[in-house]
């Protein structure tokens, strides 16, 4: 009888914690849509010269009074879309995954070749010219922004082009031939 009582008492003591654990692992609801008068996306396009990977570029404007952080995204047809940037290490440009990109209050942030961009990795089918990718960008407290981006290997930045040669001593760097986390470069 004492053993049964102790087992019942121990079970009663831990049951509330089990409820807390399952509540903590429950799916968090999706963020609310961003105010379209605050966050806008223009000049969006994507490129892919390799059927196993693509990259998306755009300009994000923040008309709000607080900074917004692009912290994640989904991309239909891709298992691993990621935020990336380029860093120089020992005179060599290296692409790295980043956790967030800041869109300053009252400012813009360009996602462009040779800089910050979105990698479209682990496609469910080979990436093809003309493919439309439905994406949702997650700006945390600033909300989410849905958009569609077309894979267009002939597209480029609108307005004054940055140009790879103008990156101050970095020489030529071709995004299409860079290593992406163990993937072989395209030729």
N, C-alpha and C. Protein backbone atom coordinates (compact mmCIF):
# COMPACT_ATOMS: atom_id res chain seq x y z
N UNK A 1 0.82 -1.19 0.00
CA UNK A 1 0.00 0.00 0.00
C UNK A 1 0.87 1.26 0.00
N UNK A 2 1.96 1.24 0.78
CA UNK A 2 2.85 2.40 0.82
C UNK A 2 3.48 2.63 -0.54
N UNK A 3 3.87 1.54 -1.23
CA UNK A 3 4.49 1.67 -2.54
C UNK A 3 3.48 2.27 -3.53
N UNK A 4 2.23 1.84 -3.51
CA UNK A 4 1.20 2.37 -4.40
C UNK A 4 0.97 3.85 -4.12
N UNK A 5 0.93 4.22 -2.85
CA UNK A 5 0.72 5.62 -2.48
C UNK A 5 1.88 6.48 -2.97
N UNK A 6 3.13 6.01 -2.80
CA UNK A 6 4.29 6.78 -3.24
C UNK A 6 4.31 6.93 -4.76
N UNK A 7 3.95 5.88 -5.49
CA UNK A 7 3.91 5.95 -6.95
C UNK A 7 2.85 6.95 -7.39
N UNK A 8 1.68 6.90 -6.77
CA UNK A 8 0.61 7.84 -7.11
C UNK A 8 1.01 9.27 -6.76
N UNK A 9 1.68 9.47 -5.64
CA UNK A 9 2.11 10.81 -5.24
C UNK A 9 3.17 11.34 -6.21
N UNK A 10 4.10 10.47 -6.61
CA UNK A 10 5.14 10.90 -7.55
C UNK A 10 4.52 11.27 -8.89
N UNK A 11 3.58 10.46 -9.36
CA UNK A 11 2.90 10.74 -10.62
C UNK A 11 2.13 12.06 -10.54
N UNK A 12 1.44 12.29 -9.46
CA UNK A 12 0.69 13.54 -9.29
C UNK A 12 1.64 14.74 -9.26
N UNK A 13 2.83 14.55 -8.74
CA UNK A 13 3.78 15.66 -8.65
C UNK A 13 4.37 16.03 -10.00
N UNK A 14 4.54 15.04 -10.90
CA UNK A 14 5.17 15.36 -12.19
C UNK A 14 4.18 15.65 -13.31
N UNK A 15 2.93 15.31 -13.17
CA UNK A 15 1.95 15.56 -14.24
C UNK A 15 1.87 17.03 -14.66
N UNK A 16 1.85 17.99 -13.75
CA UNK A 16 1.81 19.39 -14.20
C UNK A 16 3.01 19.76 -15.07
N UNK A 17 4.19 19.20 -14.79
CA UNK A 17 5.37 19.50 -15.59
C UNK A 17 5.27 18.89 -16.98
N UNK A 18 4.64 17.72 -17.08
CA UNK A 18 4.43 17.11 -18.39
C UNK A 18 3.54 17.99 -19.26
N UNK A 19 2.53 18.60 -18.67
CA UNK A 19 1.66 19.51 -19.42
C UNK A 19 2.43 20.73 -19.89
N UNK A 20 3.32 21.25 -19.04
CA UNK A 20 4.13 22.40 -19.44
C UNK A 20 5.06 22.05 -20.59
N UNK A 21 5.64 20.85 -20.55
CA UNK A 21 6.55 20.43 -21.61
C UNK A 21 5.83 20.35 -22.94
N UNK A 22 4.65 19.75 -22.97
CA UNK A 22 3.93 19.64 -24.25
C UNK A 22 3.46 21.00 -24.72
N UNK A 23 3.13 21.90 -23.81
CA UNK A 23 2.73 23.25 -24.23
C UNK A 23 3.91 24.01 -24.81
N UNK A 24 5.09 23.80 -24.26
CA UNK A 24 6.27 24.52 -24.74
C UNK A 24 6.70 24.04 -26.13
N UNK A 25 6.40 22.78 -26.47
CA UNK A 25 6.80 22.28 -27.78
C UNK A 25 5.70 22.41 -28.81
N UNK A 26 4.57 22.97 -28.45
CA UNK A 26 3.48 23.16 -29.40
C UNK A 26 3.90 24.14 -30.49
N UNK A 27 3.31 23.99 -31.65
CA UNK A 27 3.62 24.85 -32.80
C UNK A 27 3.24 26.30 -32.48
N UNK A 28 4.16 27.22 -32.71
CA UNK A 28 3.89 28.63 -32.53
C UNK A 28 3.10 29.13 -33.73
N UNK A 29 2.02 29.88 -33.52
CA UNK A 29 1.26 30.38 -34.67
C UNK A 29 2.13 31.28 -35.55
N UNK A 30 1.81 31.28 -36.84
CA UNK A 30 2.55 32.11 -37.79
C UNK A 30 2.38 33.58 -37.44
N UNK A 31 3.40 34.36 -37.75
CA UNK A 31 3.36 35.80 -37.51
C UNK A 31 2.29 36.43 -38.39
N UNK A 32 1.77 37.54 -37.95
CA UNK A 32 0.76 38.27 -38.72
C UNK A 32 1.38 38.89 -39.96
N UNK A 33 0.59 39.09 -40.99
CA UNK A 33 1.12 39.77 -42.18
C UNK A 33 1.63 41.17 -41.83
N UNK A 34 2.70 41.57 -42.49
CA UNK A 34 3.26 42.90 -42.28
C UNK A 34 2.33 43.95 -42.86
N UNK A 35 2.38 45.15 -42.32
CA UNK A 35 1.63 46.27 -42.85
C UNK A 35 2.23 46.64 -44.20
N UNK A 36 1.46 46.53 -45.31
CA UNK A 36 2.03 46.82 -46.63
C UNK A 36 2.47 48.27 -46.82
N UNK A 37 2.03 49.16 -45.94
CA UNK A 37 2.50 50.54 -46.05
C UNK A 37 3.84 50.72 -45.34
N UNK A 38 4.28 49.70 -44.60
CA UNK A 38 5.55 49.77 -43.88
C UNK A 38 6.64 48.99 -44.61
N UNK A 39 6.41 47.71 -44.89
CA UNK A 39 7.41 46.88 -45.56
C UNK A 39 7.00 46.63 -47.01
N UNK A 40 7.86 47.01 -47.95
CA UNK A 40 7.60 46.75 -49.37
C UNK A 40 8.82 46.11 -50.00
N UNK A 41 8.56 45.28 -50.99
CA UNK A 41 9.63 44.58 -51.70
C UNK A 41 9.52 44.92 -53.17
N UNK A 42 10.64 45.34 -53.76
CA UNK A 42 10.67 45.69 -55.18
C UNK A 42 11.82 44.98 -55.87
N UNK A 43 11.73 44.94 -57.20
CA UNK A 43 12.80 44.41 -58.05
C UNK A 43 13.23 43.00 -57.68
N UNK A 44 12.27 42.16 -57.30
CA UNK A 44 12.60 40.78 -56.91
C UNK A 44 12.81 39.91 -58.14
N UNK A 45 13.88 39.13 -58.12
CA UNK A 45 14.14 38.14 -59.16
C UNK A 45 15.02 37.05 -58.56
N UNK A 46 15.11 35.94 -59.27
CA UNK A 46 15.97 34.84 -58.82
C UNK A 46 16.74 34.31 -60.02
N UNK A 47 17.86 33.68 -59.72
CA UNK A 47 18.70 33.10 -60.77
C UNK A 47 19.11 31.69 -60.36
N UNK A 48 19.37 30.87 -61.37
CA UNK A 48 19.87 29.53 -61.12
C UNK A 48 20.54 29.01 -62.38
N UNK A 49 21.84 28.83 -62.32
CA UNK A 49 22.55 28.22 -63.44
C UNK A 49 22.88 26.77 -63.11
N UNK A 50 22.33 26.28 -62.01
CA UNK A 50 22.55 24.93 -61.53
C UNK A 50 21.19 24.40 -61.08
N UNK A 51 20.72 23.26 -61.57
CA UNK A 51 19.38 22.78 -61.21
C UNK A 51 19.24 22.39 -59.74
N UNK A 52 20.33 22.41 -58.98
CA UNK A 52 20.29 22.02 -57.57
C UNK A 52 20.26 23.18 -56.59
N UNK A 53 20.28 24.42 -57.09
CA UNK A 53 20.33 25.57 -56.19
C UNK A 53 19.90 26.83 -56.95
N UNK A 54 19.36 27.78 -56.23
CA UNK A 54 19.02 29.08 -56.81
C UNK A 54 19.31 30.16 -55.79
N UNK A 55 19.20 31.41 -56.21
CA UNK A 55 19.41 32.53 -55.31
C UNK A 55 18.41 33.63 -55.67
N UNK A 56 17.87 34.30 -54.67
CA UNK A 56 16.88 35.36 -54.88
C UNK A 56 17.44 36.69 -54.41
N UNK A 57 17.06 37.72 -55.14
CA UNK A 57 17.55 39.08 -54.89
C UNK A 57 16.37 40.04 -54.94
N UNK A 58 16.48 41.15 -54.21
CA UNK A 58 15.39 42.13 -54.16
C UNK A 58 15.83 43.33 -53.33
N UNK A 59 14.99 44.35 -53.31
CA UNK A 59 15.20 45.48 -52.42
C UNK A 59 14.04 45.53 -51.45
N UNK A 60 14.34 45.62 -50.17
CA UNK A 60 13.32 45.66 -49.12
C UNK A 60 13.34 47.06 -48.51
N UNK A 61 12.18 47.73 -48.52
CA UNK A 61 12.06 49.08 -47.94
C UNK A 61 11.25 49.00 -46.65
N UNK A 62 11.67 49.77 -45.66
CA UNK A 62 11.00 49.84 -44.37
C UNK A 62 10.61 51.29 -44.11
N UNK A 63 9.34 51.62 -44.30
CA UNK A 63 8.85 52.98 -44.07
C UNK A 63 8.46 53.21 -42.61
N UNK A 64 8.67 52.21 -41.76
CA UNK A 64 8.30 52.32 -40.36
C UNK A 64 9.29 53.12 -39.54
N UNK A 65 9.01 53.21 -38.26
CA UNK A 65 9.85 53.99 -37.34
C UNK A 65 10.78 53.11 -36.51
N UNK A 66 10.71 51.79 -36.71
CA UNK A 66 11.61 50.87 -36.01
C UNK A 66 12.27 49.94 -37.03
N UNK A 67 13.49 49.52 -36.71
CA UNK A 67 14.18 48.56 -37.57
C UNK A 67 13.39 47.26 -37.63
N UNK A 68 13.45 46.57 -38.75
CA UNK A 68 12.85 45.25 -38.91
C UNK A 68 13.95 44.26 -39.23
N UNK A 69 13.84 43.07 -38.70
CA UNK A 69 14.83 42.01 -38.92
C UNK A 69 14.22 40.91 -39.79
N UNK A 70 14.82 40.66 -40.95
CA UNK A 70 14.45 39.49 -41.75
C UNK A 70 15.13 38.31 -41.08
N UNK A 71 14.32 37.43 -40.48
CA UNK A 71 14.88 36.34 -39.68
C UNK A 71 14.67 34.96 -40.28
N UNK A 72 13.86 34.86 -41.31
CA UNK A 72 13.62 33.55 -41.90
C UNK A 72 12.69 33.66 -43.09
N UNK A 73 12.46 32.52 -43.71
CA UNK A 73 11.59 32.49 -44.88
C UNK A 73 11.18 31.07 -45.20
N UNK A 74 10.14 30.97 -46.01
CA UNK A 74 9.78 29.72 -46.64
C UNK A 74 9.79 29.97 -48.14
N UNK A 75 10.09 28.93 -48.90
CA UNK A 75 10.09 29.02 -50.36
C UNK A 75 9.50 27.72 -50.90
N UNK A 76 8.35 27.84 -51.54
CA UNK A 76 7.66 26.67 -52.06
C UNK A 76 8.57 25.91 -53.03
N UNK A 77 8.68 24.61 -52.82
CA UNK A 77 9.51 23.78 -53.69
C UNK A 77 10.94 23.62 -53.23
N UNK A 78 11.31 24.24 -52.09
CA UNK A 78 12.67 24.15 -51.57
C UNK A 78 12.62 23.75 -50.10
N UNK A 79 13.44 22.77 -49.74
CA UNK A 79 13.47 22.31 -48.35
C UNK A 79 14.36 23.17 -47.46
N UNK A 80 15.29 23.92 -48.05
CA UNK A 80 16.25 24.66 -47.21
C UNK A 80 16.55 26.05 -47.77
N UNK A 81 15.57 26.96 -47.78
CA UNK A 81 15.92 28.34 -48.14
C UNK A 81 16.66 28.98 -46.96
N UNK A 82 17.71 29.75 -47.25
CA UNK A 82 18.53 30.34 -46.19
C UNK A 82 18.91 31.77 -46.52
N UNK A 83 19.19 32.55 -45.49
CA UNK A 83 19.73 33.89 -45.63
C UNK A 83 21.25 33.77 -45.68
N UNK A 84 21.87 34.40 -46.69
CA UNK A 84 23.33 34.32 -46.86
C UNK A 84 23.92 35.70 -47.09
N UNK A 85 25.22 35.81 -46.85
CA UNK A 85 25.99 36.99 -47.21
C UNK A 85 27.37 36.54 -47.66
N UNK A 86 28.16 37.48 -48.15
CA UNK A 86 29.55 37.22 -48.53
C UNK A 86 30.46 37.96 -47.56
N UNK A 87 31.51 37.29 -47.12
CA UNK A 87 32.53 37.89 -46.26
C UNK A 87 33.89 37.63 -46.87
N UNK A 88 34.81 38.58 -46.67
CA UNK A 88 36.17 38.39 -47.14
C UNK A 88 37.00 37.82 -45.99
N UNK A 89 37.66 36.70 -46.26
CA UNK A 89 38.55 36.08 -45.28
C UNK A 89 39.88 35.81 -45.97
N UNK A 90 40.93 36.51 -45.55
CA UNK A 90 42.25 36.31 -46.12
C UNK A 90 42.31 36.59 -47.61
N UNK A 91 41.58 37.59 -48.05
CA UNK A 91 41.59 37.96 -49.46
C UNK A 91 40.70 37.10 -50.34
N UNK A 92 39.94 36.18 -49.74
CA UNK A 92 39.06 35.30 -50.49
C UNK A 92 37.62 35.54 -50.04
N UNK A 93 36.72 35.70 -51.01
CA UNK A 93 35.31 35.87 -50.67
C UNK A 93 34.72 34.52 -50.31
N UNK A 94 33.95 34.50 -49.23
CA UNK A 94 33.34 33.28 -48.73
C UNK A 94 31.87 33.55 -48.47
N UNK A 95 31.02 32.65 -48.90
CA UNK A 95 29.59 32.78 -48.65
C UNK A 95 29.26 32.10 -47.32
N UNK A 96 28.49 32.78 -46.46
CA UNK A 96 28.11 32.22 -45.17
C UNK A 96 26.63 32.45 -44.90
N UNK A 97 26.05 31.51 -44.16
CA UNK A 97 24.67 31.63 -43.72
C UNK A 97 24.62 32.64 -42.58
N UNK A 98 23.57 33.48 -42.55
CA UNK A 98 23.38 34.44 -41.47
C UNK A 98 22.01 34.21 -40.83
N UNK A 99 21.86 34.65 -39.59
CA UNK A 99 20.61 34.47 -38.87
C UNK A 99 19.58 35.54 -39.18
N UNK A 100 20.04 36.74 -39.54
CA UNK A 100 19.10 37.85 -39.76
C UNK A 100 19.75 38.92 -40.62
N UNK A 101 18.89 39.73 -41.22
CA UNK A 101 19.32 40.91 -41.97
C UNK A 101 18.46 42.07 -41.49
N UNK A 102 19.10 43.20 -41.20
CA UNK A 102 18.38 44.36 -40.68
C UNK A 102 17.93 45.27 -41.81
N UNK A 103 16.65 45.63 -41.77
CA UNK A 103 16.11 46.64 -42.68
C UNK A 103 15.87 47.86 -41.80
N UNK A 104 16.71 48.91 -41.94
CA UNK A 104 16.63 50.04 -41.01
C UNK A 104 15.33 50.82 -41.14
N UNK A 105 14.88 51.38 -40.03
CA UNK A 105 13.69 52.24 -40.04
C UNK A 105 13.90 53.37 -41.02
N UNK A 106 12.92 53.58 -41.90
CA UNK A 106 13.01 54.66 -42.87
C UNK A 106 14.04 54.41 -43.97
N UNK A 107 14.52 53.18 -44.10
CA UNK A 107 15.56 52.89 -45.08
C UNK A 107 15.27 51.66 -45.92
N UNK A 108 16.28 51.24 -46.66
CA UNK A 108 16.17 50.06 -47.51
C UNK A 108 17.36 49.14 -47.28
N UNK A 109 17.18 47.92 -47.71
CA UNK A 109 18.26 46.94 -47.66
C UNK A 109 18.20 46.14 -48.96
N UNK A 110 19.30 46.15 -49.71
CA UNK A 110 19.35 45.44 -50.99
C UNK A 110 19.90 44.03 -50.80
N UNK A 111 19.17 43.06 -51.29
CA UNK A 111 19.67 41.69 -51.39
C UNK A 111 20.15 41.57 -52.82
N UNK A 112 21.47 41.44 -53.00
CA UNK A 112 22.05 41.51 -54.34
C UNK A 112 23.20 40.52 -54.48
N UNK A 113 23.53 40.24 -55.73
CA UNK A 113 24.64 39.35 -56.01
C UNK A 113 25.92 39.97 -55.45
N UNK A 114 26.72 39.14 -54.77
CA UNK A 114 27.95 39.62 -54.16
C UNK A 114 27.75 40.18 -52.77
N UNK A 115 26.52 40.17 -52.26
CA UNK A 115 26.21 40.70 -50.93
C UNK A 115 25.20 39.81 -50.24
N UNK A 116 24.33 40.41 -49.45
CA UNK A 116 23.26 39.66 -48.81
C UNK A 116 22.32 39.13 -49.89
N UNK A 117 21.81 37.92 -49.69
CA UNK A 117 20.87 37.32 -50.64
C UNK A 117 20.18 36.13 -49.98
N UNK A 118 19.23 35.56 -50.69
CA UNK A 118 18.52 34.38 -50.24
C UNK A 118 18.98 33.20 -51.08
N UNK A 119 19.44 32.15 -50.44
CA UNK A 119 19.79 30.92 -51.15
C UNK A 119 18.58 30.00 -51.15
N UNK A 120 18.26 29.48 -52.31
CA UNK A 120 17.17 28.52 -52.48
C UNK A 120 17.82 27.15 -52.64
N UNK A 121 17.90 26.42 -51.54
CA UNK A 121 18.65 25.17 -51.52
C UNK A 121 17.73 23.98 -51.29
N UNK A 122 18.22 22.82 -51.68
CA UNK A 122 17.51 21.54 -51.57
C UNK A 122 16.15 21.61 -52.28
N UNK A 123 16.16 21.84 -53.60
CA UNK A 123 14.90 21.87 -54.33
C UNK A 123 14.26 20.49 -54.38
N UNK A 124 12.93 20.46 -54.40
CA UNK A 124 12.21 19.19 -54.49
C UNK A 124 12.21 18.66 -55.92
N UNK A 125 12.51 19.53 -56.88
CA UNK A 125 12.65 19.17 -58.29
C UNK A 125 13.73 20.09 -58.86
N UNK A 126 14.36 19.73 -59.98
CA UNK A 126 15.40 20.61 -60.55
C UNK A 126 14.87 22.03 -60.79
N UNK A 127 15.69 23.01 -60.45
CA UNK A 127 15.33 24.42 -60.64
C UNK A 127 15.41 24.73 -62.13
N UNK A 128 14.39 25.42 -62.65
CA UNK A 128 14.33 25.68 -64.09
C UNK A 128 14.03 27.14 -64.39
N UNK A 129 14.56 27.61 -65.52
CA UNK A 129 14.27 28.96 -66.03
C UNK A 129 12.76 29.12 -66.13
N UNK A 130 12.23 30.25 -65.66
CA UNK A 130 10.81 30.54 -65.73
C UNK A 130 9.99 30.02 -64.56
N UNK A 131 10.60 29.21 -63.71
CA UNK A 131 9.91 28.68 -62.53
C UNK A 131 9.52 29.83 -61.61
N UNK A 132 8.30 29.81 -61.09
CA UNK A 132 7.84 30.81 -60.14
C UNK A 132 7.92 30.21 -58.75
N UNK A 133 8.58 30.91 -57.84
CA UNK A 133 8.76 30.45 -56.47
C UNK A 133 7.93 31.34 -55.54
N UNK A 134 6.94 30.74 -54.89
CA UNK A 134 6.16 31.46 -53.88
C UNK A 134 6.96 31.46 -52.58
N UNK A 135 7.18 32.64 -52.04
CA UNK A 135 7.98 32.78 -50.82
C UNK A 135 7.20 33.57 -49.78
N UNK A 136 7.54 33.35 -48.52
CA UNK A 136 7.05 34.19 -47.43
C UNK A 136 8.26 34.58 -46.60
N UNK A 137 8.51 35.89 -46.52
CA UNK A 137 9.62 36.40 -45.73
C UNK A 137 9.11 36.71 -44.33
N UNK A 138 9.86 36.31 -43.32
CA UNK A 138 9.46 36.49 -41.92
C UNK A 138 10.32 37.59 -41.29
N UNK A 139 9.66 38.68 -40.92
CA UNK A 139 10.33 39.82 -40.30
C UNK A 139 10.03 39.89 -38.81
N UNK A 140 9.77 38.76 -38.19
CA UNK A 140 9.52 38.71 -36.75
C UNK A 140 8.38 39.61 -36.33
N UNK A 141 8.65 40.53 -35.40
CA UNK A 141 7.62 41.43 -34.87
C UNK A 141 7.04 42.35 -35.94
N UNK A 142 7.75 42.55 -37.04
CA UNK A 142 7.25 43.41 -38.13
C UNK A 142 6.28 42.66 -39.05
N UNK A 143 6.18 41.34 -38.92
CA UNK A 143 5.22 40.57 -39.70
C UNK A 143 5.85 39.80 -40.84
N UNK A 144 4.99 39.20 -41.66
CA UNK A 144 5.43 38.40 -42.80
C UNK A 144 5.01 39.07 -44.10
N UNK A 145 5.77 38.80 -45.16
CA UNK A 145 5.47 39.36 -46.48
C UNK A 145 5.51 38.22 -47.50
N UNK A 146 4.36 37.92 -48.14
CA UNK A 146 4.37 36.92 -49.21
C UNK A 146 4.79 37.57 -50.53
N UNK A 147 5.47 36.82 -51.38
CA UNK A 147 5.80 37.31 -52.71
C UNK A 147 6.08 36.14 -53.62
N UNK A 148 6.03 36.38 -54.92
CA UNK A 148 6.40 35.38 -55.92
C UNK A 148 7.60 35.90 -56.68
N UNK A 149 8.58 35.03 -56.87
CA UNK A 149 9.81 35.39 -57.55
C UNK A 149 10.01 34.41 -58.70
N UNK A 150 10.33 34.93 -59.88
CA UNK A 150 10.55 34.08 -61.05
C UNK A 150 12.03 33.83 -61.25
N UNK A 151 12.38 32.56 -61.53
CA UNK A 151 13.76 32.22 -61.88
C UNK A 151 14.00 32.76 -63.28
N UNK A 152 14.88 33.75 -63.39
CA UNK A 152 15.19 34.39 -64.67
C UNK A 152 16.69 34.62 -64.74
N UNK A 153 17.38 33.76 -65.45
CA UNK A 153 18.83 33.84 -65.52
C UNK A 153 19.33 35.03 -66.33
N UNK A 154 18.42 35.75 -66.98
CA UNK A 154 18.80 36.95 -67.73
C UNK A 154 18.55 38.22 -66.91
N UNK A 155 17.92 38.08 -65.75
CA UNK A 155 17.59 39.25 -64.92
C UNK A 155 18.82 39.74 -64.18
N UNK A 156 18.77 40.98 -63.83
CA UNK A 156 19.84 41.59 -63.04
C UNK A 156 19.27 42.73 -62.24
N UNK A 157 20.10 43.38 -61.48
CA UNK A 157 19.63 44.50 -60.67
C UNK A 157 19.11 45.64 -61.53
N UNK A 158 18.10 46.32 -61.03
CA UNK A 158 17.56 47.51 -61.69
C UNK A 158 18.37 48.71 -61.23
N UNK A 159 18.45 49.72 -62.06
CA UNK A 159 19.18 50.93 -61.69
C UNK A 159 20.67 50.71 -61.80
N UNK A 160 21.48 51.55 -61.11
CA UNK A 160 22.93 51.43 -61.22
C UNK A 160 23.39 50.07 -60.70
N UNK A 161 24.10 49.34 -61.54
CA UNK A 161 24.59 48.02 -61.14
C UNK A 161 25.81 48.16 -60.26
N UNK A 162 25.92 47.28 -59.28
CA UNK A 162 27.06 47.31 -58.39
C UNK A 162 28.30 46.83 -59.13
N UNK A 163 28.17 45.78 -59.91
CA UNK A 163 29.33 45.27 -60.65
C UNK A 163 30.35 44.63 -59.74
N UNK A 164 30.79 43.46 -60.08
CA UNK A 164 31.74 42.75 -59.24
C UNK A 164 33.11 43.43 -59.23
N UNK A 165 33.49 44.09 -60.32
CA UNK A 165 34.79 44.74 -60.36
C UNK A 165 34.86 45.95 -59.46
N UNK A 166 33.71 46.50 -59.04
CA UNK A 166 33.68 47.70 -58.23
C UNK A 166 33.64 47.42 -56.75
N UNK A 167 34.02 46.22 -56.34
CA UNK A 167 33.93 45.88 -54.93
C UNK A 167 35.25 46.09 -54.21
N UNK A 168 36.02 47.08 -54.64
CA UNK A 168 37.20 47.48 -53.90
C UNK A 168 38.23 46.40 -53.66
N UNK A 169 38.93 45.98 -54.70
CA UNK A 169 40.03 45.05 -54.52
C UNK A 169 39.62 43.60 -54.36
N UNK A 170 38.34 43.29 -54.50
CA UNK A 170 37.92 41.91 -54.34
C UNK A 170 38.10 41.12 -55.62
N UNK A 171 38.37 41.82 -56.73
CA UNK A 171 38.57 41.10 -57.98
C UNK A 171 37.27 40.51 -58.49
N UNK A 172 37.40 39.57 -59.39
CA UNK A 172 36.22 38.94 -59.97
C UNK A 172 35.70 37.85 -59.04
N UNK A 173 34.41 37.85 -58.82
CA UNK A 173 33.77 36.84 -58.01
C UNK A 173 32.47 36.50 -58.71
N UNK A 174 32.29 35.26 -59.03
CA UNK A 174 31.08 34.84 -59.72
C UNK A 174 30.26 33.96 -58.80
N UNK A 175 29.09 34.45 -58.43
CA UNK A 175 28.21 33.73 -57.53
C UNK A 175 27.89 32.35 -58.07
N UNK A 176 27.76 32.22 -59.39
CA UNK A 176 27.35 30.96 -60.00
C UNK A 176 28.38 29.85 -59.78
N UNK A 177 29.62 30.18 -59.44
CA UNK A 177 30.65 29.17 -59.30
C UNK A 177 31.15 29.02 -57.87
N UNK A 178 30.45 29.59 -56.91
CA UNK A 178 30.90 29.51 -55.52
C UNK A 178 30.44 28.22 -54.88
N UNK A 179 31.16 27.79 -53.88
CA UNK A 179 30.78 26.60 -53.13
C UNK A 179 29.70 27.00 -52.13
N UNK A 180 28.69 26.17 -52.01
CA UNK A 180 27.59 26.39 -51.07
C UNK A 180 27.48 25.18 -50.16
N UNK A 181 28.20 25.20 -49.07
CA UNK A 181 28.06 24.17 -48.06
C UNK A 181 28.22 22.75 -48.59
N UNK A 182 29.26 22.49 -49.36
CA UNK A 182 29.54 21.14 -49.80
C UNK A 182 28.99 20.82 -51.18
N UNK A 183 28.25 21.72 -51.80
CA UNK A 183 27.76 21.47 -53.14
C UNK A 183 28.87 21.73 -54.14
N UNK A 184 28.92 20.94 -55.17
CA UNK A 184 29.93 21.14 -56.20
C UNK A 184 29.61 22.37 -57.01
N UNK A 185 30.62 23.11 -57.45
CA UNK A 185 30.35 24.30 -58.26
C UNK A 185 29.81 23.91 -59.62
N UNK A 186 29.02 24.80 -60.21
CA UNK A 186 28.49 24.56 -61.55
C UNK A 186 29.49 25.05 -62.57
N UNK A 187 29.46 24.48 -63.73
CA UNK A 187 30.36 24.91 -64.82
C UNK A 187 29.56 25.40 -65.98
